[in-house]
Amino acid sequence: MSLIRDMRGGRDYDSRFGTRMRGTGPYAQLLGNRFRLACRRLELNLEPRAPLDTSRFRPPGPAVAQLQLGL
């Protein structure tokens, strides 16, 4: 927990929008650098992702009652 507090300015949790999932400080920077190096070493995220294809989306059909489990 002390490492989390170090990355959050002394607090356990920061609920502010945009800061919730980002740490600050030297330990957060170390973790970010290690993650980037691991991605490079494992050849992850080398190609840009294809754009999201929403043409295949269709809304769910009418509601169906949940089936009962056989005991």
N, C-alpha and C. Protein backbone atom coordinates (compact mmCIF):
# COMPACT_ATOMS: atom_id res chain seq x y z
N MET A 1 0.82 -1.19 0.00
CA MET A 1 0.00 0.00 0.00
C MET A 1 0.86 1.25 0.00
N SER A 2 2.04 1.15 0.57
CA SER A 2 2.88 2.35 0.60
C SER A 2 3.31 2.76 -0.80
N LEU A 3 3.53 1.78 -1.69
CA LEU A 3 3.89 2.11 -3.08
C LEU A 3 2.72 2.77 -3.81
N ILE A 4 1.52 2.31 -3.54
CA ILE A 4 0.34 2.92 -4.16
C ILE A 4 0.19 4.35 -3.66
N ARG A 5 0.37 4.56 -2.37
CA ARG A 5 0.29 5.92 -1.82
C ARG A 5 1.37 6.81 -2.42
N ASP A 6 2.56 6.26 -2.66
CA ASP A 6 3.63 7.05 -3.27
C ASP A 6 3.24 7.50 -4.68
N MET A 7 2.50 6.66 -5.40
CA MET A 7 2.11 7.01 -6.76
C MET A 7 0.86 7.89 -6.79
N ARG A 8 0.17 8.03 -5.67
CA ARG A 8 -1.07 8.79 -5.61
C ARG A 8 -0.96 10.04 -4.74
N GLY A 9 0.22 10.52 -4.54
CA GLY A 9 0.38 11.74 -3.75
C GLY A 9 0.04 11.56 -2.29
N GLY A 10 0.29 10.37 -1.74
CA GLY A 10 0.05 10.10 -0.33
C GLY A 10 -1.32 9.55 0.00
N ARG A 11 -2.17 9.38 -1.02
CA ARG A 11 -3.53 8.87 -0.77
C ARG A 11 -3.67 7.48 -1.36
N ASP A 12 -4.62 6.70 -0.80
CA ASP A 12 -4.88 5.35 -1.32
C ASP A 12 -5.58 5.39 -2.67
N TYR A 13 -6.42 6.40 -2.88
CA TYR A 13 -7.26 6.43 -4.08
C TYR A 13 -7.49 7.89 -4.47
N ASP A 14 -7.51 8.14 -5.74
CA ASP A 14 -7.78 9.48 -6.25
C ASP A 14 -8.93 9.36 -7.23
N SER A 15 -10.10 9.88 -6.89
CA SER A 15 -11.30 9.70 -7.70
C SER A 15 -11.46 10.75 -8.78
N ARG A 16 -10.54 11.68 -8.88
CA ARG A 16 -10.68 12.73 -9.90
C ARG A 16 -10.58 12.13 -11.30
N PHE A 17 -11.43 12.64 -12.20
CA PHE A 17 -11.45 12.13 -13.57
C PHE A 17 -10.11 12.43 -14.24
N GLY A 18 -9.57 11.43 -14.92
CA GLY A 18 -8.30 11.60 -15.62
C GLY A 18 -7.09 11.25 -14.79
N THR A 19 -7.23 11.17 -13.49
CA THR A 19 -6.10 10.80 -12.63
C THR A 19 -6.29 9.44 -11.98
N ARG A 20 -7.49 8.90 -12.11
CA ARG A 20 -7.81 7.66 -11.43
C ARG A 20 -6.91 6.49 -11.83
N MET A 21 -6.62 6.36 -13.11
CA MET A 21 -5.87 5.20 -13.59
C MET A 21 -4.42 5.55 -13.92
N ARG A 22 -3.95 6.70 -13.46
CA ARG A 22 -2.58 7.10 -13.74
C ARG A 22 -1.87 7.41 -12.43
N GLY A 23 -0.69 6.89 -12.30
CA GLY A 23 0.13 7.22 -11.15
C GLY A 23 1.10 8.33 -11.50
N THR A 24 1.71 8.88 -10.48
CA THR A 24 2.71 9.92 -10.69
C THR A 24 3.94 9.58 -9.86
N GLY A 25 5.02 10.19 -10.19
CA GLY A 25 6.23 10.00 -9.41
C GLY A 25 7.17 8.97 -10.00
N PRO A 26 8.30 8.76 -9.32
CA PRO A 26 9.34 7.89 -9.87
C PRO A 26 8.93 6.43 -9.98
N TYR A 27 8.16 5.92 -9.02
CA TYR A 27 7.78 4.51 -9.08
C TYR A 27 6.81 4.27 -10.24
N ALA A 28 5.86 5.18 -10.46
CA ALA A 28 4.94 5.04 -11.58
C ALA A 28 5.70 5.12 -12.90
N GLN A 29 6.69 6.00 -12.97
CA GLN A 29 7.49 6.12 -14.19
C GLN A 29 8.30 4.84 -14.42
N LEU A 30 8.82 4.25 -13.37
CA LEU A 30 9.55 2.99 -13.47
C LEU A 30 8.65 1.89 -14.03
N LEU A 31 7.44 1.78 -13.49
CA LEU A 31 6.51 0.76 -13.98
C LEU A 31 6.15 0.99 -15.45
N GLY A 32 5.94 2.25 -15.83
CA GLY A 32 5.64 2.56 -17.23
C GLY A 32 6.78 2.18 -18.15
N ASN A 33 8.00 2.49 -17.73
CA ASN A 33 9.17 2.14 -18.54
C ASN A 33 9.33 0.63 -18.67
N ARG A 34 9.12 -0.09 -17.58
CA ARG A 34 9.23 -1.55 -17.63
C ARG A 34 8.17 -2.15 -18.55
N PHE A 35 6.96 -1.59 -18.50
CA PHE A 35 5.89 -2.08 -19.36
C PHE A 35 6.23 -1.85 -20.83
N ARG A 36 6.70 -0.65 -21.17
CA ARG A 36 7.08 -0.35 -22.56
C ARG A 36 8.20 -1.27 -23.03
N LEU A 37 9.19 -1.52 -22.18
CA LEU A 37 10.29 -2.41 -22.57
C LEU A 37 9.80 -3.84 -22.78
N ALA A 38 8.90 -4.30 -21.91
CA ALA A 38 8.37 -5.66 -22.07
C ALA A 38 7.57 -5.77 -23.36
N CYS A 39 6.78 -4.74 -23.70
CA CYS A 39 6.03 -4.76 -24.95
C CYS A 39 6.97 -4.82 -26.14
N ARG A 40 8.04 -4.07 -26.10
CA ARG A 40 9.01 -4.08 -27.20
C ARG A 40 9.68 -5.45 -27.29
N ARG A 41 10.08 -6.01 -26.15
CA ARG A 41 10.77 -7.29 -26.14
C ARG A 41 9.87 -8.41 -26.65
N LEU A 42 8.58 -8.36 -26.30
CA LEU A 42 7.62 -9.39 -26.71
C LEU A 42 6.93 -9.07 -28.03
N GLU A 43 7.34 -7.97 -28.66
CA GLU A 43 6.80 -7.53 -29.94
C GLU A 43 5.29 -7.35 -29.90
N LEU A 44 4.82 -6.69 -28.85
CA LEU A 44 3.41 -6.38 -28.71
C LEU A 44 3.16 -4.94 -29.16
N ASN A 45 1.98 -4.67 -29.64
CA ASN A 45 1.56 -3.33 -30.04
C ASN A 45 2.45 -2.73 -31.12
N LEU A 46 2.98 -3.54 -32.02
CA LEU A 46 3.83 -3.01 -33.08
C LEU A 46 3.01 -2.43 -34.22
N GLU A 47 1.88 -3.05 -34.53
CA GLU A 47 1.05 -2.59 -35.63
C GLU A 47 -0.11 -1.77 -35.08
N PRO A 48 -0.51 -0.75 -35.82
CA PRO A 48 -1.68 0.01 -35.37
C PRO A 48 -2.92 -0.87 -35.43
N ARG A 49 -3.84 -0.63 -34.54
CA ARG A 49 -5.08 -1.43 -34.51
C ARG A 49 -6.01 -1.00 -35.63
N ALA A 50 -6.77 -1.97 -36.10
CA ALA A 50 -7.78 -1.68 -37.11
C ALA A 50 -8.88 -0.84 -36.47
N PRO A 51 -9.52 0.03 -37.24
CA PRO A 51 -10.61 0.82 -36.66
C PRO A 51 -11.77 -0.08 -36.25
N LEU A 52 -12.50 0.36 -35.27
CA LEU A 52 -13.63 -0.42 -34.77
C LEU A 52 -14.71 -0.52 -35.83
N ASP A 53 -15.15 -1.75 -36.13
CA ASP A 53 -16.17 -1.99 -37.14
C ASP A 53 -17.52 -2.15 -36.43
N THR A 54 -18.34 -1.11 -36.46
CA THR A 54 -19.64 -1.18 -35.79
C THR A 54 -20.74 -1.66 -36.73
N SER A 55 -20.40 -1.95 -37.99
CA SER A 55 -21.43 -2.40 -38.94
C SER A 55 -21.94 -3.79 -38.56
N ARG A 56 -21.21 -4.55 -37.81
CA ARG A 56 -21.62 -5.90 -37.43
C ARG A 56 -22.46 -5.92 -36.15
N PHE A 57 -22.65 -4.77 -35.54
CA PHE A 57 -23.43 -4.70 -34.31
C PHE A 57 -24.91 -4.77 -34.64
N ARG A 58 -25.65 -5.51 -33.85
CA ARG A 58 -27.11 -5.48 -33.95
C ARG A 58 -27.66 -5.54 -32.53
N PRO A 59 -28.71 -4.81 -32.26
CA PRO A 59 -29.29 -4.81 -30.93
C PRO A 59 -29.79 -6.19 -30.56
N PRO A 60 -29.80 -6.51 -29.29
CA PRO A 60 -30.30 -7.83 -28.88
C PRO A 60 -31.79 -7.96 -29.20
N GLY A 61 -32.22 -9.19 -29.40
CA GLY A 61 -33.63 -9.46 -29.71
C GLY A 61 -34.51 -9.27 -28.48
N PRO A 62 -35.74 -9.69 -28.59
CA PRO A 62 -36.65 -9.55 -27.44
C PRO A 62 -36.14 -10.35 -26.25
N ALA A 63 -36.49 -9.87 -25.07
CA ALA A 63 -36.03 -10.52 -23.83
C ALA A 63 -36.56 -11.95 -23.75
N VAL A 64 -35.69 -12.85 -23.36
CA VAL A 64 -36.06 -14.25 -23.20
C VAL A 64 -35.91 -14.59 -21.73
N ALA A 65 -36.86 -15.33 -21.20
CA ALA A 65 -36.82 -15.72 -19.79
C ALA A 65 -35.59 -16.60 -19.55
N GLN A 66 -34.98 -16.45 -18.41
CA GLN A 66 -33.81 -17.25 -18.07
C GLN A 66 -34.22 -18.70 -17.82
N LEU A 67 -33.44 -19.63 -18.36
CA LEU A 67 -33.72 -21.05 -18.17
C LEU A 67 -33.41 -21.46 -16.74
N GLN A 68 -34.08 -22.47 -16.27
CA GLN A 68 -33.87 -22.99 -14.93
C GLN A 68 -32.75 -24.03 -14.94
N LEU A 69 -31.97 -24.07 -13.87
CA LEU A 69 -30.92 -25.07 -13.74
C LEU A 69 -31.55 -26.36 -13.26
N GLY A 70 -31.17 -27.47 -13.87
CA GLY A 70 -31.67 -28.78 -13.44
C GLY A 70 -30.85 -29.27 -12.25
N LEU A 71 -31.50 -29.51 -11.15
CA LEU A 71 -30.79 -29.99 -9.96
C LEU A 71 -30.97 -31.43 -9.72
